[in-house]
């Protein structure tokens, strides 16, 4: 994960920023979930570094947060915890893969996540 996560985020953040600049009403939040799996906190550090580098400015519509789970709950548990803590109206989950901006299609969150 620590090899793939920075690559995926390096593609994702410029796409989100470009979209935010084109459409001032567009807001986004990146939530990096450390599933507690035993990578010695590498995922949390990557997320924290990213938040420091790009800032967390909810006022302008950009938020980068890290969720560190105390106990490994498996992939399903990590996804569920991330989705439950997402603050947006639309949520997208990406995992361990290098994605391209063409795959950034929002998924409508069920009402109980709002």
N, C-alpha and C. Protein backbone atom coordinates (compact mmCIF):
# COMPACT_ATOMS: atom_id res chain seq x y z
N UNK A 1 0.83 -1.20 0.00
CA UNK A 1 0.00 0.00 0.00
C UNK A 1 0.87 1.25 0.00
N UNK A 2 1.93 1.25 0.79
CA UNK A 2 2.72 2.48 0.88
C UNK A 2 3.40 2.84 -0.43
N UNK A 3 3.50 1.87 -1.36
CA UNK A 3 4.04 2.18 -2.67
C UNK A 3 2.95 2.71 -3.61
N UNK A 4 1.75 2.16 -3.50
CA UNK A 4 0.67 2.51 -4.42
C UNK A 4 -0.10 3.76 -4.02
N UNK A 5 -0.26 3.98 -2.74
CA UNK A 5 -1.05 5.11 -2.27
C UNK A 5 -0.54 6.46 -2.77
N UNK A 6 0.77 6.76 -2.65
CA UNK A 6 1.23 8.06 -3.16
C UNK A 6 1.00 8.22 -4.66
N UNK A 7 1.16 7.15 -5.43
CA UNK A 7 0.93 7.24 -6.88
C UNK A 7 -0.52 7.59 -7.18
N UNK A 8 -1.43 6.92 -6.52
CA UNK A 8 -2.85 7.17 -6.76
C UNK A 8 -3.21 8.61 -6.37
N UNK A 9 -2.69 9.05 -5.24
CA UNK A 9 -3.01 10.41 -4.78
C UNK A 9 -2.35 11.48 -5.65
N UNK A 10 -1.19 11.17 -6.21
CA UNK A 10 -0.51 12.11 -7.09
C UNK A 10 -1.34 12.39 -8.34
N UNK A 11 -2.11 11.41 -8.78
CA UNK A 11 -3.01 11.62 -9.91
C UNK A 11 -4.34 12.24 -9.48
N UNK A 12 -4.82 11.86 -8.33
CA UNK A 12 -6.14 12.27 -7.89
C UNK A 12 -6.21 13.74 -7.49
N UNK A 13 -5.24 14.20 -6.72
CA UNK A 13 -5.30 15.58 -6.20
C UNK A 13 -5.28 16.62 -7.32
N UNK A 14 -4.39 16.53 -8.31
CA UNK A 14 -4.45 17.54 -9.39
C UNK A 14 -5.79 17.54 -10.14
N UNK A 15 -6.38 16.37 -10.33
CA UNK A 15 -7.69 16.30 -10.97
C UNK A 15 -8.73 17.04 -10.14
N UNK A 16 -8.77 16.76 -8.84
CA UNK A 16 -9.75 17.40 -7.96
C UNK A 16 -9.52 18.90 -7.89
N UNK A 17 -8.27 19.33 -7.80
CA UNK A 17 -7.97 20.76 -7.74
C UNK A 17 -8.36 21.47 -9.03
N UNK A 18 -8.09 20.85 -10.18
CA UNK A 18 -8.47 21.45 -11.47
C UNK A 18 -9.99 21.58 -11.56
N UNK A 19 -10.68 20.57 -11.10
CA UNK A 19 -12.15 20.63 -11.13
C UNK A 19 -12.66 21.71 -10.20
N UNK A 20 -12.04 21.84 -9.04
CA UNK A 20 -12.46 22.88 -8.07
C UNK A 20 -12.23 24.27 -8.64
N UNK A 21 -11.14 24.44 -9.38
CA UNK A 21 -10.86 25.75 -9.98
C UNK A 21 -11.84 26.09 -11.10
N UNK A 22 -12.26 25.06 -11.86
CA UNK A 22 -13.24 25.28 -12.93
C UNK A 22 -14.63 25.56 -12.38
N UNK A 23 -14.96 24.94 -11.27
CA UNK A 23 -16.30 25.04 -10.70
C UNK A 23 -16.19 25.39 -9.21
N UNK A 24 -16.31 26.67 -8.88
CA UNK A 24 -16.14 27.09 -7.48
C UNK A 24 -17.09 26.41 -6.50
N UNK A 25 -18.20 25.85 -6.98
CA UNK A 25 -19.12 25.18 -6.06
C UNK A 25 -18.68 23.74 -5.76
N UNK A 26 -17.69 23.23 -6.50
CA UNK A 26 -17.20 21.86 -6.29
C UNK A 26 -16.33 21.82 -5.05
N UNK A 27 -16.64 20.91 -4.15
CA UNK A 27 -15.85 20.72 -2.93
C UNK A 27 -15.47 19.26 -2.83
N UNK A 28 -14.35 18.99 -2.20
CA UNK A 28 -13.95 17.59 -2.03
C UNK A 28 -13.27 17.37 -0.70
N UNK A 29 -13.28 16.12 -0.31
CA UNK A 29 -12.60 15.66 0.90
C UNK A 29 -11.91 14.35 0.55
N UNK A 30 -10.65 14.24 0.88
CA UNK A 30 -9.93 12.97 0.77
C UNK A 30 -9.79 12.42 2.18
N UNK A 31 -10.24 11.21 2.37
CA UNK A 31 -10.11 10.55 3.67
C UNK A 31 -9.25 9.32 3.47
N UNK A 32 -8.05 9.36 4.01
CA UNK A 32 -7.12 8.23 3.93
C UNK A 32 -7.36 7.37 5.16
N UNK A 33 -7.72 6.10 4.94
CA UNK A 33 -8.02 5.20 6.04
C UNK A 33 -6.87 4.22 6.23
N UNK A 34 -6.26 4.28 7.41
CA UNK A 34 -5.24 3.32 7.81
C UNK A 34 -5.98 2.20 8.52
N UNK A 35 -5.97 1.03 7.91
CA UNK A 35 -6.79 -0.07 8.42
C UNK A 35 -6.19 -0.79 9.63
N UNK A 36 -5.08 -0.30 10.14
CA UNK A 36 -4.47 -0.92 11.31
C UNK A 36 -3.81 -2.24 11.02
N UNK A 37 -3.40 -2.44 9.76
CA UNK A 37 -2.94 -3.76 9.33
C UNK A 37 -1.51 -4.11 9.70
N UNK A 38 -0.72 -3.22 10.13
CA UNK A 38 0.63 -3.62 10.51
C UNK A 38 1.70 -3.11 9.57
N UNK A 39 1.41 -2.03 8.87
CA UNK A 39 2.45 -1.41 8.06
C UNK A 39 3.20 -0.36 8.88
N UNK A 40 3.12 -0.51 10.20
CA UNK A 40 3.79 0.39 11.15
C UNK A 40 3.36 1.84 10.96
N UNK A 41 2.10 2.03 10.60
CA UNK A 41 1.58 3.39 10.49
C UNK A 41 1.96 4.12 9.22
N UNK A 42 2.50 3.41 8.21
CA UNK A 42 2.93 4.07 6.97
C UNK A 42 1.77 4.78 6.28
N UNK A 43 0.61 4.16 6.25
CA UNK A 43 -0.54 4.78 5.59
C UNK A 43 -0.94 6.07 6.29
N UNK A 44 -0.95 6.06 7.61
CA UNK A 44 -1.28 7.28 8.36
C UNK A 44 -0.26 8.37 8.09
N UNK A 45 1.01 8.01 8.05
CA UNK A 45 2.06 9.01 7.78
C UNK A 45 1.91 9.60 6.38
N UNK A 46 1.63 8.76 5.40
CA UNK A 46 1.44 9.26 4.03
C UNK A 46 0.27 10.23 4.00
N UNK A 47 -0.84 9.87 4.63
CA UNK A 47 -2.00 10.75 4.68
C UNK A 47 -1.72 12.06 5.39
N UNK A 48 -1.01 11.98 6.52
CA UNK A 48 -0.68 13.20 7.28
C UNK A 48 0.26 14.10 6.48
N UNK A 49 1.23 13.51 5.80
CA UNK A 49 2.14 14.30 4.96
C UNK A 49 1.37 14.99 3.84
N UNK A 50 0.44 14.28 3.26
CA UNK A 50 -0.39 14.83 2.19
C UNK A 50 -1.22 16.00 2.70
N UNK A 51 -1.81 15.84 3.87
CA UNK A 51 -2.62 16.93 4.45
C UNK A 51 -1.76 18.16 4.71
N UNK A 52 -0.55 17.94 5.22
CA UNK A 52 0.35 19.08 5.47
C UNK A 52 0.76 19.75 4.16
N UNK A 53 1.07 18.95 3.16
CA UNK A 53 1.55 19.48 1.88
C UNK A 53 0.48 20.27 1.14
N UNK A 54 -0.75 19.77 1.14
CA UNK A 54 -1.81 20.39 0.35
C UNK A 54 -2.76 21.23 1.18
N UNK A 55 -2.62 21.15 2.48
CA UNK A 55 -3.48 21.94 3.34
C UNK A 55 -4.85 21.33 3.51
N UNK A 56 -5.51 21.77 4.52
CA UNK A 56 -6.87 21.34 4.80
C UNK A 56 -7.67 22.62 4.98
N UNK A 57 -8.34 23.02 3.95
CA UNK A 57 -9.06 24.28 3.99
C UNK A 57 -10.51 24.04 3.61
N UNK A 58 -11.30 23.65 4.58
CA UNK A 58 -12.71 23.37 4.32
C UNK A 58 -13.44 24.60 3.81
N UNK A 59 -12.95 25.78 4.14
CA UNK A 59 -13.59 27.02 3.70
C UNK A 59 -13.61 27.12 2.18
N UNK A 60 -12.51 26.72 1.52
CA UNK A 60 -12.47 26.79 0.06
C UNK A 60 -12.92 25.48 -0.58
N UNK A 61 -13.26 24.50 0.21
CA UNK A 61 -13.81 23.27 -0.33
C UNK A 61 -12.82 22.14 -0.49
N UNK A 62 -11.75 22.17 0.27
CA UNK A 62 -10.75 21.10 0.19
C UNK A 62 -10.47 20.61 1.60
N UNK A 63 -10.60 19.32 1.80
CA UNK A 63 -10.29 18.73 3.10
C UNK A 63 -9.53 17.42 2.87
N UNK A 64 -8.45 17.25 3.59
CA UNK A 64 -7.69 16.01 3.55
C UNK A 64 -7.56 15.54 4.98
N UNK A 65 -8.14 14.36 5.26
CA UNK A 65 -8.14 13.84 6.62
C UNK A 65 -7.60 12.42 6.65
N UNK A 66 -7.16 12.01 7.83
CA UNK A 66 -6.65 10.65 8.03
C UNK A 66 -7.48 9.99 9.13
N UNK A 67 -7.91 8.77 8.87
CA UNK A 67 -8.61 7.96 9.87
C UNK A 67 -7.73 6.75 10.15
N UNK A 68 -7.25 6.64 11.38
CA UNK A 68 -6.41 5.51 11.77
C UNK A 68 -7.22 4.59 12.67
N UNK A 69 -7.46 3.37 12.19
CA UNK A 69 -8.21 2.41 12.98
C UNK A 69 -7.29 1.74 13.99
N UNK A 70 -7.77 1.59 15.19
CA UNK A 70 -6.99 0.97 16.26
C UNK A 70 -6.75 -0.52 16.02
N UNK A 71 -7.74 -1.15 15.41
CA UNK A 71 -7.69 -2.60 15.22
C UNK A 71 -8.01 -2.90 13.76
N UNK A 72 -7.33 -3.88 13.20
CA UNK A 72 -7.59 -4.29 11.83
C UNK A 72 -8.94 -4.98 11.76
N UNK A 73 -9.84 -4.41 10.98
CA UNK A 73 -11.19 -4.97 10.81
C UNK A 73 -11.37 -5.57 9.42
N UNK A 74 -10.28 -5.72 8.69
CA UNK A 74 -10.35 -6.22 7.32
C UNK A 74 -10.73 -5.10 6.37
N UNK A 75 -10.65 -5.40 5.08
CA UNK A 75 -10.96 -4.39 4.08
C UNK A 75 -12.39 -3.88 4.22
N UNK A 76 -13.34 -4.78 4.42
CA UNK A 76 -14.73 -4.36 4.57
C UNK A 76 -14.93 -3.40 5.73
N UNK A 77 -14.27 -3.68 6.84
CA UNK A 77 -14.38 -2.80 8.01
C UNK A 77 -13.77 -1.44 7.74
N UNK A 78 -12.63 -1.42 7.04
CA UNK A 78 -11.97 -0.15 6.72
C UNK A 78 -12.84 0.68 5.77
N UNK A 79 -13.41 0.02 4.77
CA UNK A 79 -14.29 0.73 3.83
C UNK A 79 -15.52 1.28 4.56
N UNK A 80 -16.13 0.46 5.39
CA UNK A 80 -17.33 0.90 6.12
C UNK A 80 -17.01 2.09 7.02
N UNK A 81 -15.91 2.01 7.77
CA UNK A 81 -15.55 3.11 8.67
C UNK A 81 -15.26 4.39 7.89
N UNK A 82 -14.59 4.25 6.76
CA UNK A 82 -14.32 5.43 5.93
C UNK A 82 -15.59 6.05 5.39
N UNK A 83 -16.49 5.22 4.89
CA UNK A 83 -17.75 5.73 4.35
C UNK A 83 -18.62 6.37 5.44
N UNK A 84 -18.61 5.79 6.62
CA UNK A 84 -19.39 6.36 7.72
C UNK A 84 -18.85 7.72 8.15
N UNK A 85 -17.57 7.95 7.95
CA UNK A 85 -16.97 9.21 8.38
C UNK A 85 -16.84 10.24 7.27
N UNK A 86 -17.15 9.85 6.05
CA UNK A 86 -17.14 10.81 4.95
C UNK A 86 -18.19 11.88 5.17
N UNK A 87 -17.84 13.12 4.91
CA UNK A 87 -18.75 14.23 5.19
C UNK A 87 -19.49 14.74 3.96
N UNK A 88 -19.19 14.18 2.81
CA UNK A 88 -19.80 14.69 1.58
C UNK A 88 -21.15 14.10 1.28
N UNK A 89 -21.82 14.71 0.32
CA UNK A 89 -23.11 14.22 -0.15
C UNK A 89 -22.90 13.04 -1.09
N UNK A 90 -21.78 13.03 -1.82
CA UNK A 90 -21.42 11.94 -2.72
C UNK A 90 -20.11 11.35 -2.23
N UNK A 91 -19.99 10.02 -2.26
CA UNK A 91 -18.79 9.35 -1.77
C UNK A 91 -18.22 8.44 -2.84
N UNK A 92 -16.90 8.37 -2.91
CA UNK A 92 -16.19 7.49 -3.82
C UNK A 92 -15.16 6.73 -3.02
N UNK A 93 -15.08 5.42 -3.22
CA UNK A 93 -14.09 4.62 -2.52
C UNK A 93 -13.08 4.12 -3.55
N UNK A 94 -11.80 4.28 -3.23
CA UNK A 94 -10.72 3.73 -4.07
C UNK A 94 -9.79 2.97 -3.14
N UNK A 95 -9.25 1.88 -3.63
CA UNK A 95 -8.44 1.05 -2.76
C UNK A 95 -7.23 0.48 -3.48
N UNK A 96 -6.06 0.76 -2.96
CA UNK A 96 -4.80 0.12 -3.35
C UNK A 96 -4.49 0.09 -4.83
N UNK A 97 -5.25 0.75 -5.63
CA UNK A 97 -4.95 0.68 -7.05
C UNK A 97 -4.62 2.06 -7.56
N UNK A 98 -3.90 2.08 -8.62
CA UNK A 98 -3.60 3.35 -9.26
C UNK A 98 -4.78 3.66 -10.16
N UNK A 99 -5.48 4.73 -9.87
CA UNK A 99 -6.66 5.05 -10.66
C UNK A 99 -6.39 6.27 -11.51
N UNK A 100 -7.13 6.40 -12.54
CA UNK A 100 -7.05 7.54 -13.43
C UNK A 100 -8.26 8.42 -13.19
N UNK A 101 -8.13 9.70 -13.52
CA UNK A 101 -9.24 10.63 -13.29
C UNK A 101 -10.50 10.20 -14.04
N UNK A 102 -10.36 9.40 -15.09
CA UNK A 102 -11.56 8.97 -15.81
C UNK A 102 -12.43 8.05 -14.97
N UNK A 103 -11.88 7.50 -13.88
CA UNK A 103 -12.66 6.63 -13.00
C UNK A 103 -13.26 7.38 -11.81
N UNK A 104 -13.04 8.66 -11.71
CA UNK A 104 -13.56 9.42 -10.57
C UNK A 104 -15.02 9.81 -10.82
N UNK A 105 -15.86 8.83 -10.71
CA UNK A 105 -17.29 9.03 -10.88
C UNK A 105 -17.92 8.89 -9.50
N UNK A 106 -18.60 9.91 -9.02
CA UNK A 106 -19.15 9.83 -7.66
C UNK A 106 -20.21 8.74 -7.53
N UNK A 107 -20.25 8.17 -6.36
CA UNK A 107 -21.24 7.17 -6.00
C UNK A 107 -22.21 7.84 -5.03
N UNK A 108 -23.49 7.74 -5.30
CA UNK A 108 -24.46 8.36 -4.40
C UNK A 108 -24.50 7.59 -3.09
N UNK A 109 -24.36 8.33 -2.01
CA UNK A 109 -24.40 7.72 -0.68
C UNK A 109 -25.84 7.47 -0.27
N UNK A 110 -26.10 6.33 0.32
CA UNK A 110 -27.44 6.09 0.86
C UNK A 110 -27.78 7.14 1.93
N UNK A 111 -29.04 7.48 2.11
CA UNK A 111 -29.43 8.52 3.05
C UNK A 111 -28.91 8.32 4.47
N UNK A 112 -28.70 7.07 4.90
CA UNK A 112 -28.28 6.87 6.28
C UNK A 112 -26.82 7.28 6.49
N UNK A 113 -26.07 7.58 5.44
CA UNK A 113 -24.69 8.06 5.60
C UNK A 113 -24.65 9.59 5.74
N UNK A 114 -25.77 10.24 5.57
CA UNK A 114 -25.75 11.71 5.57
C UNK A 114 -26.02 12.26 6.94
